[in-house]
């Protein structure tokens, strides 16, 4: 079995294993889920994995996670750690699973790997190369540097769900992009969209917000949705030497409205006005 075969597959449709509504605050929700998961751990998971996940996931994860997505995330982390423990697997290998959600007209993708700069940009490039539009994305980084990224993607040709073969190909490209050195096919994938993307029908808007969060600089993007849009934004952020701590990606009526939280090398918001101005200029150039 190849690394790609082991690290990417369709995820089973798990039922809601934890009945009842969770309490309001993120701490209450985390503790509520933790107690119930420990009382009856999902198949294949042990108490240590549950405790680690509950203590390591960031607050914004617990604010909205559902029981089904929580179990799916635990299974993805388990799959990733099992994958990298194999002597035949490179430590850079990602673990990716997906679920078809016909009721929402999109495919859910869960990507789990070690945190590293440019990770989101490389994933976005692979999806664009396979003609997949990213409708939503949620970024979660555990305190032990494991990343769990949740994407909702759709066929860029307007057919909604993404077919299985293209999901496997996207997983292959993500895996290759994270290798050292990266595969040629994955390098090509990062630039392909620049030759097929239509010009902007309406100028993109970029706004940097240093007031709404005490911990990060918020990058607000509003632009016409197109293949490679998210990659262009995220690669610009990575080229600036910044890390993404959270990302909210939404697409409505052909318009992308993204809010990305970034920090500098010291894990702090950008304080230098010159660096803020440079980032603003580079993002505007990247978006055309």
Protein backbone atom coordinates (compact mmCIF):
# COMPACT_ATOMS: atom_id res chain seq x y z
CA UNK A 1 0.00 0.00 0.00
CA UNK A 2 1.40 3.44 -0.92
CA UNK A 3 1.54 6.40 1.43
CA UNK A 4 -1.25 8.06 -0.53
CA UNK A 5 -3.45 4.98 -0.18
CA UNK A 6 -2.83 4.86 3.57
CA UNK A 7 -3.22 8.57 4.21
CA UNK A 8 -6.33 9.43 2.19
CA UNK A 9 -9.66 7.73 2.12
CA UNK A 10 -13.38 8.32 2.41
CA UNK A 11 -14.43 8.61 6.03
CA UNK A 12 -17.36 6.60 7.34
CA UNK A 13 -20.49 8.56 8.08
CA UNK A 14 -20.38 8.51 11.87
CA UNK A 15 -23.62 9.03 13.80
CA UNK A 16 -23.92 11.59 16.57
CA UNK A 17 -22.52 9.54 19.45
CA UNK A 18 -23.08 12.13 22.18
CA UNK A 19 -26.78 12.86 22.69
CA UNK A 20 -28.07 16.16 23.98
CA UNK A 21 -26.91 19.76 23.59
CA UNK A 22 -23.52 20.89 24.93
CA UNK A 23 -23.36 23.87 27.35
CA UNK A 24 -22.54 27.41 26.20
CA UNK A 25 -18.93 28.49 26.90
CA UNK A 26 -16.04 26.80 25.14
CA UNK A 27 -14.67 25.47 28.44
CA UNK A 28 -18.04 24.00 29.36
CA UNK A 29 -18.43 22.43 25.93
CA UNK A 30 -14.94 20.95 26.06
CA UNK A 31 -15.52 19.44 29.48
CA UNK A 32 -18.99 18.18 28.52
CA UNK A 33 -17.59 16.37 25.48
CA UNK A 34 -14.56 15.07 27.39
CA UNK A 35 -16.61 13.43 30.13
CA UNK A 36 -18.98 11.73 27.71
CA UNK A 37 -16.21 10.52 25.41
CA UNK A 38 -14.30 9.04 28.34
CA UNK A 39 -17.44 7.28 29.55
CA UNK A 40 -17.80 5.54 26.17
CA UNK A 41 -14.73 6.02 23.93
CA UNK A 42 -15.39 5.67 20.18
CA UNK A 43 -14.08 2.40 18.66
CA UNK A 44 -10.31 2.40 18.22
CA UNK A 45 -9.67 5.41 20.47
CA UNK A 46 -8.32 5.37 24.01
CA UNK A 47 -8.58 7.70 27.00
CA UNK A 48 -5.13 9.23 26.44
CA UNK A 49 -6.05 10.30 22.91
CA UNK A 50 -9.27 11.89 24.14
CA UNK A 51 -7.53 13.73 26.99
CA UNK A 52 -4.79 14.98 24.65
CA UNK A 53 -7.31 16.28 22.13
CA UNK A 54 -9.43 18.03 24.76
CA UNK A 55 -6.42 19.74 26.34
CA UNK A 56 -4.63 20.66 23.10
CA UNK A 57 -7.36 22.00 20.78
CA UNK A 58 -7.83 25.82 20.74
CA UNK A 59 -10.89 27.57 22.22
CA UNK A 60 -12.44 28.46 18.84
CA UNK A 61 -12.64 24.75 18.02
CA UNK A 62 -14.86 24.04 21.01
CA UNK A 63 -17.17 26.97 20.35
CA UNK A 64 -18.82 25.32 17.33
CA UNK A 65 -17.73 21.68 17.05
CA UNK A 66 -20.49 19.10 16.83
CA UNK A 67 -20.31 15.63 18.36
CA UNK A 68 -19.95 13.99 14.96
CA UNK A 69 -17.16 16.34 13.85
CA UNK A 70 -15.37 15.90 17.18
CA UNK A 71 -15.26 12.11 16.77
CA UNK A 72 -14.21 12.51 13.11
CA UNK A 73 -11.39 14.82 14.19
CA UNK A 74 -10.21 12.38 16.85
CA UNK A 75 -10.17 9.59 14.27
CA UNK A 76 -8.17 11.77 11.85
CA UNK A 77 -5.54 12.58 14.49
CA UNK A 78 -5.36 8.88 15.37
CA UNK A 79 -4.92 8.01 11.70
CA UNK A 80 -2.20 10.63 11.23
CA UNK A 81 -0.19 9.54 14.27
CA UNK A 82 -0.50 5.91 13.22
CA UNK A 83 0.67 6.88 9.73
CA UNK A 84 3.80 8.76 10.83
CA UNK A 85 4.67 6.01 13.32
CA UNK A 86 5.18 3.68 10.37
CA UNK A 87 8.83 3.23 9.38
CA UNK A 88 7.80 3.39 5.71
CA UNK A 89 6.19 6.84 5.97
CA UNK A 90 7.92 10.21 5.74
CA UNK A 91 7.37 12.47 8.77
CA UNK A 92 5.98 15.13 6.42
CA UNK A 93 3.12 12.87 5.26
CA UNK A 94 -0.41 14.27 5.73
CA UNK A 95 -3.54 12.29 6.58
CA UNK A 96 -6.67 13.27 4.67
CA UNK A 97 -10.25 12.00 4.83
CA UNK A 98 -13.45 13.15 3.18
CA UNK A 99 -17.20 12.82 3.43
CA UNK A 100 -19.80 13.48 0.77
CA UNK A 101 -22.60 15.72 2.07
CA UNK A 102 -25.31 15.83 -0.62
CA UNK A 103 -27.64 17.76 1.68
CA UNK A 104 -25.23 20.74 1.64
CA UNK A 105 -24.07 20.27 -1.95
CA UNK A 106 -20.39 19.94 -1.08
CA UNK A 107 -17.66 17.53 0.00
CA UNK A 108 -16.07 17.78 3.45
CA UNK A 109 -12.29 17.31 3.65
CA UNK A 110 -10.31 16.86 6.85
CA UNK A 111 -6.53 17.34 6.65
CA UNK A 112 -4.30 16.36 9.57
CA UNK A 113 -0.51 16.83 9.68
CA UNK A 114 2.27 18.66 11.51
CA UNK A 115 1.99 22.44 11.51
CA UNK A 116 4.35 24.26 9.16
CA UNK A 117 4.44 27.57 7.32
CA UNK A 118 2.69 27.53 3.97
CA UNK A 119 0.68 24.39 4.71
CA UNK A 120 -2.69 25.95 3.95
CA UNK A 121 -1.42 27.54 0.75
CA UNK A 122 -0.16 24.19 -0.54
CA UNK A 123 -3.44 22.48 0.26
CA UNK A 124 -5.39 25.27 -1.45
CA UNK A 125 -3.17 24.95 -4.55
CA UNK A 126 -3.78 21.20 -4.77
CA UNK A 127 -7.54 21.68 -4.54
CA UNK A 128 -7.45 24.37 -7.24
CA UNK A 129 -5.41 22.10 -9.54
CA UNK A 130 -8.18 19.52 -9.26
CA UNK A 131 -10.78 22.20 -10.11
CA UNK A 132 -12.25 22.27 -6.61
CA UNK A 133 -13.63 25.47 -5.11
CA UNK A 134 -13.07 25.99 -1.38
CA UNK A 135 -16.41 27.16 0.02
CA UNK A 136 -15.43 27.14 3.70
CA UNK A 137 -12.33 26.41 5.71
CA UNK A 138 -11.65 26.18 9.43
CA UNK A 139 -8.09 26.00 10.74
CA UNK A 140 -7.29 24.38 14.10
CA UNK A 141 -3.76 23.99 15.47
CA UNK A 142 -3.27 21.90 18.60
CA UNK A 143 -0.76 22.96 21.24
CA UNK A 144 1.36 19.92 20.27
CA UNK A 145 1.67 21.34 16.69
CA UNK A 146 -0.78 18.94 15.06
CA UNK A 147 -2.99 20.73 12.54
CA UNK A 148 -6.59 19.74 11.85
CA UNK A 149 -7.99 21.69 8.89
CA UNK A 150 -11.62 21.32 7.84
CA UNK A 151 -12.58 22.25 4.26
CA UNK A 152 -15.90 22.31 2.44
CA UNK A 153 -15.19 22.01 -1.29
CA UNK A 154 -17.30 21.79 -4.42
CA UNK A 155 -16.72 20.92 -8.05
CA UNK A 156 -15.64 24.09 -9.83
CA UNK A 157 -17.64 23.03 -12.90
CA UNK A 158 -20.85 23.37 -10.93
CA UNK A 159 -21.61 19.71 -10.22
CA UNK A 160 -21.49 20.08 -6.43
CA UNK A 161 -19.90 16.99 -4.91
CA UNK A 162 -16.32 16.18 -5.91
CA UNK A 163 -15.82 12.73 -7.37
CA UNK A 164 -13.67 10.20 -5.54
CA UNK A 165 -10.87 10.00 -8.13
CA UNK A 166 -10.20 13.73 -7.95
CA UNK A 167 -10.13 13.64 -4.17
CA UNK A 168 -7.43 10.98 -4.31
CA UNK A 169 -5.48 13.06 -6.83
CA UNK A 170 -5.76 16.15 -4.62
CA UNK A 171 -4.46 14.12 -1.68
CA UNK A 172 -1.52 12.97 -3.82
CA UNK A 173 -0.69 16.59 -4.70
CA UNK A 174 -0.90 17.73 -1.06
CA UNK A 175 1.37 14.90 0.02
CA UNK A 176 3.87 15.76 -2.73
CA UNK A 177 3.82 19.46 -1.89
CA UNK A 178 4.78 18.71 1.71
CA UNK A 179 7.74 16.50 0.79
CA UNK A 180 11.32 17.79 0.91
CA UNK A 181 11.96 18.48 -1.90
CA UNK A 182 8.39 18.71 -3.23
CA UNK A 183 7.26 16.66 -6.21
CA UNK A 184 7.29 18.43 -9.58
CA UNK A 185 3.57 17.72 -10.06
CA UNK A 186 2.81 19.54 -6.81
CA UNK A 187 4.99 22.51 -7.77
CA UNK A 188 3.09 22.74 -11.05
CA UNK A 189 -0.21 22.60 -9.16
CA UNK A 190 0.70 25.72 -7.20
CA UNK A 191 0.87 27.83 -10.37
CA UNK A 192 -1.63 26.19 -12.72
CA UNK A 193 -4.59 28.32 -11.64
CA UNK A 194 -2.77 31.51 -12.69
CA UNK A 195 -3.16 30.49 -16.34
CA UNK A 196 -6.82 29.45 -16.18
CA UNK A 197 -8.36 31.92 -13.71
CA UNK A 198 -10.56 34.62 -15.27
CA UNK A 199 -9.79 38.28 -14.54
CA UNK A 200 -11.48 39.97 -11.58
CA UNK A 201 -14.96 41.20 -12.46
CA UNK A 202 -14.93 43.50 -9.46
CA UNK A 203 -11.85 44.86 -7.65
CA UNK A 204 -10.82 42.89 -4.60
CA UNK A 205 -10.92 44.61 -1.22
CA UNK A 206 -8.20 44.06 1.37
CA UNK A 207 -8.41 45.38 4.93
CA UNK A 208 -5.95 44.77 7.77
CA UNK A 209 -7.44 44.96 11.27
CA UNK A 210 -5.15 45.31 14.28
CA UNK A 211 -7.88 46.20 16.78
CA UNK A 212 -10.44 43.37 16.87
CA UNK A 213 -8.04 40.80 18.36
CA UNK A 214 -5.43 41.16 21.07
CA UNK A 215 -3.43 38.20 19.73
CA UNK A 216 -3.43 38.46 15.93
CA UNK A 217 -3.78 40.75 12.93
CA UNK A 218 -6.99 40.09 11.01
CA UNK A 219 -6.78 40.07 7.22
CA UNK A 220 -10.20 40.75 5.65
CA UNK A 221 -10.54 39.77 1.99
CA UNK A 222 -13.53 40.34 -0.25
CA UNK A 223 -13.11 39.28 -3.87
CA UNK A 224 -14.79 37.54 -6.78
CA UNK A 225 -14.53 33.80 -6.14
CA UNK A 226 -12.22 31.95 -8.52
CA UNK A 227 -9.86 29.00 -8.64
CA UNK A 228 -6.68 29.72 -6.72
CA UNK A 229 -8.01 32.75 -4.84
CA UNK A 230 -7.33 31.31 -1.40
CA UNK A 231 -3.92 30.03 -2.49
CA UNK A 232 -2.90 33.52 -3.68
CA UNK A 233 -3.86 34.99 -0.30
CA UNK A 234 -2.26 32.28 1.82
CA UNK A 235 0.96 32.11 -0.21
CA UNK A 236 1.36 35.87 0.13
CA UNK A 237 0.96 35.51 3.89
CA UNK A 238 3.54 32.70 3.96
CA UNK A 239 5.98 34.70 1.79
CA UNK A 240 5.69 37.53 4.33
CA UNK A 241 7.01 35.18 7.03
CA UNK A 242 3.66 35.05 8.83
CA UNK A 243 1.69 32.15 10.26
CA UNK A 244 -2.07 31.61 10.03
CA UNK A 245 -3.67 30.89 13.42
CA UNK A 246 -7.31 30.95 12.31
CA UNK A 247 -9.13 31.24 8.99
CA UNK A 248 -12.77 31.76 8.20
CA UNK A 249 -13.55 31.20 4.52
CA UNK A 250 -17.04 31.80 3.15
CA UNK A 251 -18.38 32.08 -0.40
CA UNK A 252 -21.81 33.50 -1.21
CA UNK A 253 -23.21 34.61 -4.54
CA UNK A 254 -19.88 34.16 -6.30
CA UNK A 255 -18.14 36.45 -3.82
CA UNK A 256 -15.51 35.26 -1.33
CA UNK A 257 -15.46 36.88 2.10
CA UNK A 258 -12.45 35.63 4.06
CA UNK A 259 -11.08 36.55 7.47
CA UNK A 260 -7.60 35.21 8.21
CA UNK A 261 -5.78 35.73 11.50
CA UNK A 262 -1.99 36.01 11.18
CA UNK A 263 0.91 36.38 13.60
CA UNK A 264 4.61 37.16 13.17
CA UNK A 265 7.68 35.14 14.12
CA UNK A 266 7.10 35.91 17.82
CA UNK A 267 3.48 34.67 17.59
CA UNK A 268 2.25 38.25 18.00
CA UNK A 269 0.18 40.61 15.86
CA UNK A 270 2.00 42.82 13.37
CA UNK A 271 3.12 45.99 15.15
CA UNK A 272 5.34 47.52 12.46
CA UNK A 273 3.35 50.00 10.26
CA UNK A 274 5.79 49.48 7.38
CA UNK A 275 5.27 45.73 7.47
CA UNK A 276 1.50 46.18 7.57
CA UNK A 277 1.65 48.49 4.55
CA UNK A 278 3.88 46.01 2.68
CA UNK A 279 1.47 43.14 3.39
CA UNK A 280 -1.48 45.24 2.21
CA UNK A 281 0.33 46.07 -1.04
CA UNK A 282 1.39 42.48 -1.70
CA UNK A 283 -2.12 41.12 -1.11
CA UNK A 284 -3.62 43.68 -3.49
CA UNK A 285 -1.07 42.72 -6.14
CA UNK A 286 -1.74 39.00 -5.64
CA UNK A 287 -5.46 39.53 -6.06
CA UNK A 288 -5.05 41.41 -9.29
